[in-house]
Protein backbone atom coordinates (compact mmCIF):
# COMPACT_ATOMS: atom_id res chain seq x y z
CA MET A 1 0.00 0.00 0.00
CA VAL A 2 2.91 2.35 0.66
CA ALA A 3 4.29 1.74 -2.83
CA SER A 4 1.04 2.73 -4.50
CA SER A 5 0.88 5.97 -2.52
CA ILE A 6 4.49 6.76 -3.44
CA VAL A 7 3.75 6.20 -7.13
CA ALA A 8 0.56 8.24 -6.93
CA GLY A 9 2.35 11.10 -5.19
CA ALA A 10 5.21 11.08 -7.67
CA GLN A 11 2.82 11.04 -10.61
CA THR A 12 0.95 13.99 -9.12
CA ILE A 13 4.18 15.97 -8.80
CA ILE A 14 5.32 14.99 -12.31
CA GLY A 15 1.92 15.93 -13.71
CA SER A 16 2.06 19.31 -11.99
CA PHE A 17 5.49 20.05 -13.46
CA ALA A 18 4.26 18.99 -16.90
CA LEU A 19 1.22 21.24 -16.62
CA ILE A 20 3.40 24.18 -15.59
CA ALA A 21 5.73 23.50 -18.54
CA LEU A 22 2.79 23.39 -20.95
CA ILE A 23 1.47 26.67 -19.56
CA VAL A 24 4.89 28.27 -19.98
CA VAL A 25 5.04 27.07 -23.60
CA ALA A 26 1.55 28.45 -24.24
CA LEU A 27 2.43 31.80 -22.70
CA GLY A 28 5.70 31.86 -24.64
CA THR A 29 3.76 31.28 -27.84
CA MET A 30 1.34 34.10 -27.03
CA VAL A 31 4.15 36.52 -26.21
CA GLY A 32 6.13 35.47 -29.27
CA VAL A 33 9.12 33.92 -27.53
CA VAL A 34 8.33 30.43 -28.84
CA LYS A 35 7.78 30.09 -32.57
CA PRO A 36 4.53 28.36 -33.57
CA SER A 37 6.52 25.80 -35.57
CA GLU A 38 8.44 24.78 -32.41
CA VAL A 39 5.35 24.35 -30.21
CA VAL A 40 4.62 20.79 -31.37
CA ASP A 41 8.22 19.75 -30.70
CA ARG A 42 8.25 21.26 -27.22
CA VAL A 43 4.87 19.79 -26.28
CA GLY A 44 6.06 16.41 -27.55
CA VAL A 45 9.19 16.63 -25.41
CA ILE A 46 7.17 17.60 -22.34
CA VAL A 47 4.69 14.75 -22.82
CA GLY A 48 7.50 12.28 -23.54
CA LEU A 49 9.45 13.27 -20.44
CA THR A 50 6.30 13.03 -18.34
CA ILE A 51 5.60 9.50 -19.57
CA VAL A 52 9.20 8.37 -19.08
CA ALA A 53 9.42 9.86 -15.59
CA SER A 54 6.15 8.21 -14.53
CA LEU A 55 7.29 4.86 -15.88
CA LEU A 56 10.68 5.14 -14.17
CA VAL A 57 9.06 5.88 -10.82
CA SER A 58 6.70 2.93 -11.21
CA VAL A 59 9.50 0.55 -12.23
CA PHE A 60 11.87 1.62 -9.45
CA VAL A 61 9.19 1.42 -6.77
CA GLY A 62 8.16 -1.99 -8.09
CA LEU A 63 11.76 -3.23 -8.08
CA TRP A 64 12.38 -1.86 -4.60
CA GLY A 65 9.29 -3.67 -3.33
CA THR A 66 10.47 -7.01 -4.68
CA MET A 67 13.96 -6.77 -3.14
CA SER A 68 14.83 -8.45 0.11
CA VAL A 69 16.10 -6.40 3.03
CA TRP A 70 19.76 -7.34 2.57
CA GLN A 71 19.59 -6.30 -1.12
CA GLU A 72 18.14 -2.93 -0.11
CA VAL A 73 20.90 -2.45 2.47
CA VAL A 74 23.63 -3.32 -0.06
CA LEU A 75 22.14 -0.94 -2.64
CA ALA A 76 21.88 1.86 -0.08
CA ALA A 77 25.50 1.24 1.01
CA LEU A 78 26.69 1.39 -2.61
CA GLY A 79 24.85 4.67 -3.09
CA LEU A 80 26.43 6.07 0.06
CA VAL A 81 29.93 5.03 -1.08
CA VAL A 82 29.45 6.62 -4.52
CA TRP A 83 28.14 9.81 -2.90
CA GLN A 84 31.16 9.99 -0.57
CA MET A 85 33.59 9.39 -3.44
CA ARG A 86 32.03 12.17 -5.49
CA ARG A 87 32.15 14.51 -2.50
CA GLU A 88 35.86 13.85 -1.93
CA ARG A 89 36.56 14.32 -5.62
CA ARG A 90 34.81 17.69 -5.66
CA SER A 91 36.67 18.91 -2.58
CA SER A 92 40.02 17.93 -4.12
CA ARG A 93 39.14 19.85 -7.29
CA ARG A 94 38.30 22.94 -5.28
CA SER A 95 41.56 22.78 -3.33
CA ARG A 96 43.57 22.42 -6.55
CA GLY A 97 41.75 25.38 -8.10
CA ASP A 98 42.58 27.62 -5.13
CA GLU A 99 46.34 27.13 -5.45
């Protein structure tokens, strides 16, 4: 039941962003910032990204629900290690740039 509420919440947020993007495209067309020939392309990209994002959320939540606890722990640990490695790499870049 938790998974379905996560998917529903994510789809609501994704749908809200898509609606805002469509409104911005419509306003841009009215103001003249977006050319009428580009509107179909931009709407297609917005709709495509919305569909892909919704599917990704559904797939990842479904996969997470089928994993055992030890698999979830290992995946979380891997994510933490990658995050720490990226953080150390960024700090070393900053220190080299200051010299």
